[in-house]
Amino acid sequence: MSTQRTEARMPVLLVRKRAGVVGETQRTCHLVPVPDDDRTPVALTAYCGELIHRGEAELLDQPSGMPCVGCLFRVPSPRGEGLPEDW
């Protein structure tokens, strides 16, 4: 299983629903927390709340297409990391 890490220490999966499962405009790149165990789950839940069932999506090595805005707003910031002072 390929994972993408945010700039610090928080592993996330980049997942997009497959063509034909949803329309092209709904094929956004979701952020999904890496499951805690090594078993392949029946479904994943993106940070935005989108339920993604096994076989419905493709796992991405890098961001592709439009990002899911809901996931971007809800993904936790990496532990111990605050905003830079000049933010």
PDB file of N, CA and C in Angstrom:
ATOM      1  N   MET A   1       0.847  -1.161   0.000  1.00  0.00           N
ATOM      2  CA  MET A   1       0.000   0.000   0.000  1.00  0.00           C
ATOM      3  C   MET A   1       0.902   1.236   0.000  1.00  0.00           C
ATOM      4  N   SER A   2       0.733   2.138  -0.933  1.00  0.00           N
ATOM      5  CA  SER A   2       1.546   3.341  -1.037  1.00  0.00           C
ATOM      6  C   SER A   2       0.962   4.435  -0.149  1.00  0.00           C
ATOM      7  N   THR A   3       1.819   5.145   0.553  1.00  0.00           N
ATOM      8  CA  THR A   3       1.347   6.249   1.376  1.00  0.00           C
ATOM      9  C   THR A   3       2.088   7.515   1.006  1.00  0.00           C
ATOM     10  N   GLN A   4       1.431   8.612   1.204  1.00  0.00           N
ATOM     11  CA  GLN A   4       2.029   9.929   1.018  1.00  0.00           C
ATOM     12  C   GLN A   4       2.048  10.578   2.392  1.00  0.00           C
ATOM     13  N   ARG A   5       3.147  11.205   2.759  1.00  0.00           N
ATOM     14  CA  ARG A   5       3.234  11.860   4.064  1.00  0.00           C
ATOM     15  C   ARG A   5       3.144  13.359   3.879  1.00  0.00           C
ATOM     16  N   THR A   6       2.401  13.999   4.776  1.00  0.00           N
ATOM     17  CA  THR A   6       2.403  15.451   4.776  1.00  0.00           C
ATOM     18  C   THR A   6       3.791  15.887   5.197  1.00  0.00           C
ATOM     19  N   GLU A   7       4.072  17.157   5.201  1.00  0.00           N
ATOM     20  CA  GLU A   7       5.431  17.638   5.418  1.00  0.00           C
ATOM     21  C   GLU A   7       6.051  17.171   6.732  1.00  0.00           C
ATOM     22  N   ALA A   8       5.253  16.790   7.707  1.00  0.00           N
ATOM     23  CA  ALA A   8       5.818  16.316   8.969  1.00  0.00           C
ATOM     24  C   ALA A   8       5.621  14.813   9.098  1.00  0.00           C
ATOM     25  N   ARG A   9       4.978  14.352  10.162  1.00  0.00           N
ATOM     26  CA  ARG A   9       4.957  12.935  10.502  1.00  0.00           C
ATOM     27  C   ARG A   9       3.582  12.299  10.451  1.00  0.00           C
ATOM     28  N   MET A  10       2.702  12.729   9.619  1.00  0.00           N
ATOM     29  CA  MET A  10       1.353  12.204   9.627  1.00  0.00           C
ATOM     30  C   MET A  10       1.068  11.445   8.327  1.00  0.00           C
ATOM     31  N   PRO A  11       1.015  10.110   8.378  1.00  0.00           N
ATOM     32  CA  PRO A  11       0.772   9.353   7.143  1.00  0.00           C
ATOM     33  C   PRO A  11      -0.686   9.452   6.692  1.00  0.00           C
ATOM     34  N   VAL A  12      -0.872   9.741   5.431  1.00  0.00           N
ATOM     35  CA  VAL A  12      -2.199   9.773   4.820  1.00  0.00           C
ATOM     36  C   VAL A  12      -2.136   9.059   3.477  1.00  0.00           C
ATOM     37  N   LEU A  13      -3.286   8.575   3.049  1.00  0.00           N
ATOM     38  CA  LEU A  13      -3.423   8.004   1.715  1.00  0.00           C
ATOM     39  C   LEU A  13      -4.061   9.043   0.816  1.00  0.00           C
ATOM     40  N   LEU A  14      -3.653   9.059  -0.425  1.00  0.00           N
ATOM     41  CA  LEU A  14      -4.291   9.897  -1.438  1.00  0.00           C
ATOM     42  C   LEU A  14      -5.148   8.968  -2.279  1.00  0.00           C
ATOM     43  N   VAL A  15      -6.444   9.198  -2.285  1.00  0.00           N
ATOM     44  CA  VAL A  15      -7.397   8.280  -2.908  1.00  0.00           C
ATOM     45  C   VAL A  15      -8.351   9.058  -3.806  1.00  0.00           C
ATOM     46  N   ARG A  16      -8.648   8.494  -4.977  1.00  0.00           N
ATOM     47  CA  ARG A  16      -9.609   9.113  -5.902  1.00  0.00           C
ATOM     48  C   ARG A  16     -10.513   8.014  -6.452  1.00  0.00           C
ATOM     49  N   LYS A  17     -11.808   8.288  -6.496  1.00  0.00           N
ATOM     50  CA  LYS A  17     -12.743   7.297  -7.040  1.00  0.00           C
ATOM     51  C   LYS A  17     -12.447   7.067  -8.518  1.00  0.00           C
ATOM     52  N   ARG A  18     -12.601   5.825  -8.942  1.00  0.00           N
ATOM     53  CA  ARG A  18     -12.284   5.425 -10.318  1.00  0.00           C
ATOM     54  C   ARG A  18     -13.259   6.034 -11.327  1.00  0.00           C
ATOM     55  N   ALA A  19     -12.761   6.222 -12.530  1.00  0.00           N
ATOM     56  CA  ALA A  19     -13.620   6.660 -13.635  1.00  0.00           C
ATOM     57  C   ALA A  19     -14.714   5.614 -13.831  1.00  0.00           C
ATOM     58  N   GLY A  20     -15.930   6.062 -14.018  1.00  0.00           N
ATOM     59  CA  GLY A  20     -17.062   5.155 -14.190  1.00  0.00           C
ATOM     60  C   GLY A  20     -17.818   4.903 -12.900  1.00  0.00           C
ATOM     61  N   VAL A  21     -17.152   5.055 -11.761  1.00  0.00           N
ATOM     62  CA  VAL A  21     -17.830   4.910 -10.470  1.00  0.00           C
ATOM     63  C   VAL A  21     -18.593   6.191 -10.158  1.00  0.00           C
ATOM     64  N   VAL A  22     -17.948   7.320 -10.447  1.00  0.00           N
ATOM     65  CA  VAL A  22     -18.575   8.633 -10.306  1.00  0.00           C
ATOM     66  C   VAL A  22     -18.253   9.438 -11.557  1.00  0.00           C
ATOM     67  N   GLY A  23     -18.952  10.534 -11.755  1.00  0.00           N
ATOM     68  CA  GLY A  23     -18.679  11.406 -12.885  1.00  0.00           C
ATOM     69  C   GLY A  23     -17.319  12.080 -12.737  1.00  0.00           C
ATOM     70  N   GLU A  24     -16.765  12.540 -13.826  1.00  0.00           N
ATOM     71  CA  GLU A  24     -15.416  13.119 -13.827  1.00  0.00           C
ATOM     72  C   GLU A  24     -15.286  14.293 -12.857  1.00  0.00           C
ATOM     73  N   THR A  25     -16.322  15.095 -12.733  1.00  0.00           N
ATOM     74  CA  THR A  25     -16.239  16.256 -11.829  1.00  0.00           C
ATOM     75  C   THR A  25     -16.228  15.853 -10.357  1.00  0.00           C
ATOM     76  N   GLN A  26     -16.588  14.611 -10.056  1.00  0.00           N
ATOM     77  CA  GLN A  26     -16.593  14.135  -8.671  1.00  0.00           C
ATOM     78  C   GLN A  26     -15.338  13.334  -8.333  1.00  0.00           C
ATOM     79  N   ARG A  27     -14.409  13.247  -9.254  1.00  0.00           N
ATOM     80  CA  ARG A  27     -13.185  12.466  -9.024  1.00  0.00           C
ATOM     81  C   ARG A  27     -12.108  13.323  -8.360  1.00  0.00           C
ATOM     82  N   THR A  28     -12.412  13.792  -7.167  1.00  0.00           N
ATOM     83  CA  THR A  28     -11.455  14.615  -6.444  1.00  0.00           C
ATOM     84  C   THR A  28     -10.467  13.734  -5.679  1.00  0.00           C
ATOM     85  N   CYS A  29      -9.350  14.312  -5.341  1.00  0.00           N
ATOM     86  CA  CYS A  29      -8.305  13.617  -4.590  1.00  0.00           C
ATOM     87  C   CYS A  29      -8.603  13.780  -3.094  1.00  0.00           C
ATOM     88  N   HIS A  30      -8.967  12.667  -2.449  1.00  0.00           N
ATOM     89  CA  HIS A  30      -9.315  12.676  -1.028  1.00  0.00           C
ATOM     90  C   HIS A  30      -8.101  12.324  -0.172  1.00  0.00           C
ATOM     91  N   LEU A  31      -8.095  12.819   1.047  1.00  0.00           N
ATOM     92  CA  LEU A  31      -7.086  12.477   2.041  1.00  0.00           C
ATOM     93  C   LEU A  31      -7.723  11.520   3.035  1.00  0.00           C
ATOM     94  N   VAL A  32      -7.060  10.376   3.229  1.00  0.00           N
ATOM     95  CA  VAL A  32      -7.601   9.325   4.088  1.00  0.00           C
ATOM     96  C   VAL A  32      -6.531   8.933   5.107  1.00  0.00           C
ATOM     97  N   PRO A  33      -6.878   8.846   6.392  1.00  0.00           N
ATOM     98  CA  PRO A  33      -5.884   8.382   7.361  1.00  0.00           C
ATOM     99  C   PRO A  33      -5.497   6.931   7.074  1.00  0.00           C
ATOM    100  N   VAL A  34      -4.224   6.625   7.240  1.00  0.00           N
ATOM    101  CA  VAL A  34      -3.760   5.251   7.044  1.00  0.00           C
ATOM    102  C   VAL A  34      -4.391   4.380   8.126  1.00  0.00           C
ATOM    103  N   PRO A  35      -4.980   3.234   7.733  1.00  0.00           N
ATOM    104  CA  PRO A  35      -5.581   2.343   8.734  1.00  0.00           C
ATOM    105  C   PRO A  35      -4.556   1.896   9.777  1.00  0.00           C
ATOM    106  N   ASP A  36      -5.024   1.648  10.988  1.00  0.00           N
ATOM    107  CA  ASP A  36      -4.148   1.281  12.100  1.00  0.00           C
ATOM    108  C   ASP A  36      -3.536  -0.111  11.970  1.00  0.00           C
ATOM    109  N   ASP A  37      -4.223  -1.028  11.298  1.00  0.00           N
ATOM    110  CA  ASP A  37      -3.690  -2.386  11.200  1.00  0.00           C
ATOM    111  C   ASP A  37      -3.307  -2.702   9.750  1.00  0.00           C
ATOM    112  N   ASP A  38      -2.758  -3.887   9.544  1.00  0.00           N
ATOM    113  CA  ASP A  38      -2.268  -4.282   8.220  1.00  0.00           C
ATOM    114  C   ASP A  38      -3.339  -4.912   7.337  1.00  0.00           C
ATOM    115  N   ARG A  39      -4.527  -5.130   7.869  1.00  0.00           N
ATOM    116  CA  ARG A  39      -5.598  -5.735   7.070  1.00  0.00           C
ATOM    117  C   ARG A  39      -6.160  -4.713   6.087  1.00  0.00           C
ATOM    118  N   THR A  40      -6.584  -5.190   4.926  1.00  0.00           N
ATOM    119  CA  THR A  40      -7.212  -4.313   3.944  1.00  0.00           C
ATOM    120  C   THR A  40      -8.659  -4.077   4.373  1.00  0.00           C
ATOM    121  N   PRO A  41      -9.030  -2.826   4.642  1.00  0.00           N
ATOM    122  CA  PRO A  41     -10.392  -2.553   5.110  1.00  0.00           C
ATOM    123  C   PRO A  41     -11.422  -2.694   3.988  1.00  0.00           C
ATOM    124  N   VAL A  42     -12.673  -2.913   4.363  1.00  0.00           N
ATOM    125  CA  VAL A  42     -13.773  -2.996   3.401  1.00  0.00           C
ATOM    126  C   VAL A  42     -14.042  -1.617   2.813  1.00  0.00           C
ATOM    127  N   ALA A  43     -13.853  -0.591   3.620  1.00  0.00           N
ATOM    128  CA  ALA A  43     -14.069   0.787   3.164  1.00  0.00           C
ATOM    129  C   ALA A  43     -13.129   1.715   3.932  1.00  0.00           C
ATOM    130  N   LEU A  44     -12.854   2.840   3.324  1.00  0.00           N
ATOM    131  CA  LEU A  44     -12.066   3.894   3.954  1.00  0.00           C
ATOM    132  C   LEU A  44     -12.962   5.116   4.117  1.00  0.00           C
ATOM    133  N   THR A  45     -12.714   5.896   5.135  1.00  0.00           N
ATOM    134  CA  THR A  45     -13.446   7.141   5.316  1.00  0.00           C
ATOM    135  C   THR A  45     -12.461   8.297   5.195  1.00  0.00           C
ATOM    136  N   ALA A  46     -12.698   9.160   4.219  1.00  0.00           N
ATOM    137  CA  ALA A  46     -11.845  10.322   4.008  1.00  0.00           C
ATOM    138  C   ALA A  46     -12.103  11.340   5.114  1.00  0.00           C
ATOM    139  N   TYR A  47     -11.187  12.263   5.277  1.00  0.00           N
ATOM    140  CA  TYR A  47     -11.360  13.292   6.302  1.00  0.00           C
ATOM    141  C   TYR A  47     -12.627  14.111   6.090  1.00  0.00           C
ATOM    142  N   CYS A  48     -13.111  14.215   4.863  1.00  0.00           N
ATOM    143  CA  CYS A  48     -14.335  14.962   4.585  1.00  0.00           C
ATOM    144  C   CYS A  48     -15.592  14.173   4.947  1.00  0.00           C
ATOM    145  N   GLY A  49     -15.435  12.873   5.256  1.00  0.00           N
ATOM    146  CA  GLY A  49     -16.572  12.023   5.584  1.00  0.00           C
ATOM    147  C   GLY A  49     -16.991  11.102   4.450  1.00  0.00           C
ATOM    148  N   GLU A  50     -16.407  11.270   3.280  1.00  0.00           N
ATOM    149  CA  GLU A  50     -16.734  10.427   2.119  1.00  0.00           C
ATOM    150  C   GLU A  50     -16.340   8.982   2.414  1.00  0.00           C
ATOM    151  N   LEU A  51     -17.291   8.061   2.234  1.00  0.00           N
ATOM    152  CA  LEU A  51     -17.035   6.636   2.417  1.00  0.00           C
ATOM    153  C   LEU A  51     -16.596   6.058   1.077  1.00  0.00           C
ATOM    154  N   ILE A  52     -15.453   5.425   1.053  1.00  0.00           N
ATOM    155  CA  ILE A  52     -14.883   4.893  -0.188  1.00  0.00           C
ATOM    156  C   ILE A  52     -14.718   3.388  -0.009  1.00  0.00           C
ATOM    157  N   HIS A  53     -15.531   2.617  -0.736  1.00  0.00           N
ATOM    158  CA  HIS A  53     -15.525   1.160  -0.624  1.00  0.00           C
ATOM    159  C   HIS A  53     -14.399   0.546  -1.448  1.00  0.00           C
ATOM    160  N   ARG A  54     -13.940  -0.617  -1.006  1.00  0.00           N
ATOM    161  CA  ARG A  54     -12.896  -1.350  -1.716  1.00  0.00           C
ATOM    162  C   ARG A  54     -13.317  -1.567  -3.167  1.00  0.00           C
ATOM    163  N   GLY A  55     -12.416  -1.321  -4.089  1.00  0.00           N
ATOM    164  CA  GLY A  55     -12.690  -1.512  -5.509  1.00  0.00           C
ATOM    165  C   GLY A  55     -13.263  -0.286  -6.201  1.00  0.00           C
ATOM    166  N   GLU A  56     -13.677   0.712  -5.445  1.00  0.00           N
ATOM    167  CA  GLU A  56     -14.260   1.928  -6.028  1.00  0.00           C
ATOM    168  C   GLU A  56     -13.217   2.983  -6.379  1.00  0.00           C
ATOM    169  N   ALA A  57     -12.028   2.844  -5.815  1.00  0.00           N
ATOM    170  CA  ALA A  57     -11.077   3.949  -5.916  1.00  0.00           C
ATOM    171  C   ALA A  57      -9.696   3.477  -6.342  1.00  0.00           C
ATOM    172  N   GLU A  58      -8.891   4.451  -6.703  1.00  0.00           N
ATOM    173  CA  GLU A  58      -7.489   4.192  -7.008  1.00  0.00           C
ATOM    174  C   GLU A  58      -6.643   4.907  -5.964  1.00  0.00           C
ATOM    175  N   LEU A  59      -5.558   4.266  -5.591  1.00  0.00           N
ATOM    176  CA  LEU A  59      -4.611   4.827  -4.647  1.00  0.00           C
ATOM    177  C   LEU A  59      -3.572   5.597  -5.450  1.00  0.00           C
ATOM    178  N   LEU A  60      -3.328   6.838  -5.087  1.00  0.00           N
ATOM    179  CA  LEU A  60      -2.430   7.703  -5.852  1.00  0.00           C
ATOM    180  C   LEU A  60      -1.078   7.828  -5.165  1.00  0.00           C
ATOM    181  N   ASP A  61      -0.018   7.912  -5.968  1.00  0.00           N
ATOM    182  CA  ASP A  61       1.333   8.129  -5.440  1.00  0.00           C
ATOM    183  C   ASP A  61       1.589   9.597  -5.149  1.00  0.00           C
ATOM    184  N   GLN A  62       0.845  10.463  -5.846  1.00  0.00           N
ATOM    185  CA  GLN A  62       0.982  11.903  -5.667  1.00  0.00           C
ATOM    186  C   GLN A  62      -0.374  12.537  -5.967  1.00  0.00           C
ATOM    187  N   PRO A  63      -0.590  13.771  -5.525  1.00  0.00           N
ATOM    188  CA  PRO A  63      -1.875  14.416  -5.817  1.00  0.00           C
ATOM    189  C   PRO A  63      -2.134  14.456  -7.317  1.00  0.00           C
ATOM    190  N   SER A  64      -3.379  14.243  -7.678  1.00  0.00           N
ATOM    191  CA  SER A  64      -3.771  14.240  -9.082  1.00  0.00           C
ATOM    192  C   SER A  64      -5.195  14.759  -9.186  1.00  0.00           C
ATOM    193  N   GLY A  65      -5.414  15.691 -10.087  1.00  0.00           N
ATOM    194  CA  GLY A  65      -6.744  16.260 -10.240  1.00  0.00           C
ATOM    195  C   GLY A  65      -7.041  17.268  -9.142  1.00  0.00           C
ATOM    196  N   MET A  66      -8.297  17.590  -9.026  1.00  0.00           N
ATOM    197  CA  MET A  66      -8.726  18.568  -8.014  1.00  0.00           C
ATOM    198  C   MET A  66      -8.652  17.945  -6.623  1.00  0.00           C
ATOM    199  N   PRO A  67      -8.153  18.699  -5.645  1.00  0.00           N
ATOM    200  CA  PRO A  67      -8.191  18.189  -4.274  1.00  0.00           C
ATOM    201  C   PRO A  67      -9.596  18.321  -3.703  1.00  0.00           C
ATOM    202  N   CYS A  68      -9.932  17.466  -2.762  1.00  0.00           N
ATOM    203  CA  CYS A  68     -11.201  17.590  -2.049  1.00  0.00           C
ATOM    204  C   CYS A  68     -11.035  18.705  -1.024  1.00  0.00           C
ATOM    205  N   VAL A  69     -11.781  19.763  -1.179  1.00  0.00           N
ATOM    206  CA  VAL A  69     -11.673  20.915  -0.284  1.00  0.00           C
ATOM    207  C   VAL A  69     -12.056  20.522   1.144  1.00  0.00           C
ATOM    208  N   GLY A  70     -13.073  19.681   1.284  1.00  0.00           N
ATOM    209  CA  GLY A  70     -13.481  19.227   2.614  1.00  0.00           C
ATOM    210  C   GLY A  70     -12.361  18.500   3.341  1.00  0.00           C
ATOM    211  N   CYS A  71     -11.627  17.663   2.620  1.00  0.00           N
ATOM    212  CA  CYS A  71     -10.491  16.961   3.224  1.00  0.00           C
ATOM    213  C   CYS A  71      -9.395  17.945   3.619  1.00  0.00           C
ATOM    214  N   LEU A  72      -9.132  18.914   2.760  1.00  0.00           N
ATOM    215  CA  LEU A  72      -8.088  19.899   3.060  1.00  0.00           C
ATOM    216  C   LEU A  72      -8.412  20.692   4.318  1.00  0.00           C
ATOM    217  N   PHE A  73      -9.678  21.026   4.501  1.00  0.00           N
ATOM    218  CA  PHE A  73     -10.079  21.781   5.687  1.00  0.00           C
ATOM    219  C   PHE A  73     -10.033  20.941   6.958  1.00  0.00           C
ATOM    220  N   ARG A  74     -10.238  19.635   6.830  1.00  0.00           N
ATOM    221  CA  ARG A  74     -10.389  18.791   8.016  1.00  0.00           C
ATOM    222  C   ARG A  74      -9.161  17.963   8.380  1.00  0.00           C
ATOM    223  N   VAL A  75      -8.196  17.846   7.498  1.00  0.00           N
ATOM    224  CA  VAL A  75      -7.018  17.037   7.817  1.00  0.00           C
ATOM    225  C   VAL A  75      -6.298  17.673   9.003  1.00  0.00           C
ATOM    226  N   PRO A  76      -5.968  16.882  10.025  1.00  0.00           N
ATOM    227  CA  PRO A  76      -5.294  17.446  11.195  1.00  0.00           C
ATOM    228  C   PRO A  76      -3.901  17.959  10.834  1.00  0.00           C
ATOM    229  N   SER A  77      -3.474  18.987  11.525  1.00  0.00           N
ATOM    230  CA  SER A  77      -2.107  19.456  11.303  1.00  0.00           C
ATOM    231  C   SER A  77      -1.161  18.450  11.948  1.00  0.00           C
ATOM    232  N   PRO A  78       0.029  18.322  11.424  1.00  0.00           N
ATOM    233  CA  PRO A  78       0.991  17.370  12.004  1.00  0.00           C
ATOM    234  C   PRO A  78       1.238  17.679  13.475  1.00  0.00           C
ATOM    235  N   ARG A  79       1.407  16.634  14.267  1.00  0.00           N
ATOM    236  CA  ARG A  79       1.615  16.799  15.715  1.00  0.00           C
ATOM    237  C   ARG A  79       2.833  17.662  15.995  1.00  0.00           C
ATOM    238  N   GLY A  80       2.651  18.569  16.947  1.00  0.00           N
ATOM    239  CA  GLY A  80       3.759  19.388  17.374  1.00  0.00           C
ATOM    240  C   GLY A  80       4.110  20.509  16.406  1.00  0.00           C
ATOM    241  N   GLU A  81       3.363  20.623  15.339  1.00  0.00           N
ATOM    242  CA  GLU A  81       3.668  21.647  14.341  1.00  0.00           C
ATOM    243  C   GLU A  81       2.620  22.736  14.433  1.00  0.00           C
ATOM    244  N   GLY A  82       3.047  23.956  14.606  1.00  0.00           N
ATOM    245  CA  GLY A  82       2.144  25.104  14.575  1.00  0.00           C
ATOM    246  C   GLY A  82       2.375  25.883  13.314  1.00  0.00           C
ATOM    247  N   LEU A  83       1.669  26.957  13.159  1.00  0.00           N
ATOM    248  CA  LEU A  83       1.877  27.818  12.008  1.00  0.00           C
ATOM    249  C   LEU A  83       3.168  28.595  12.188  1.00  0.00           C
ATOM    250  N   PRO A  84       3.870  28.872  11.106  1.00  0.00           N
ATOM    251  CA  PRO A  84       5.075  29.682  11.236  1.00  0.00           C
ATOM    252  C   PRO A  84       4.732  31.057  11.805  1.00  0.00           C
ATOM    253  N   GLU A  85       5.721  31.686  12.449  1.00  0.00           N
ATOM    254  CA  GLU A  85       5.478  32.986  13.077  1.00  0.00           C
ATOM    255  C   GLU A  85       5.031  34.047  12.078  1.00  0.00           C
ATOM    256  N   ASP A  86       5.490  33.957  10.834  1.00  0.00           N
ATOM    257  CA  ASP A  86       5.131  34.962   9.840  1.00  0.00           C
ATOM    258  C   ASP A  86       3.813  34.676   9.144  1.00  0.00           C
ATOM    259  N   TRP A  87       3.089  33.663   9.581  1.00  0.00           N
ATOM    260  CA  TRP A  87       1.789  33.308   8.985  1.00  0.00           C
ATOM    261  C   TRP A  87       0.805  34.306   9.398  1.00  0.00           C
TER     262      TRP A  87
END
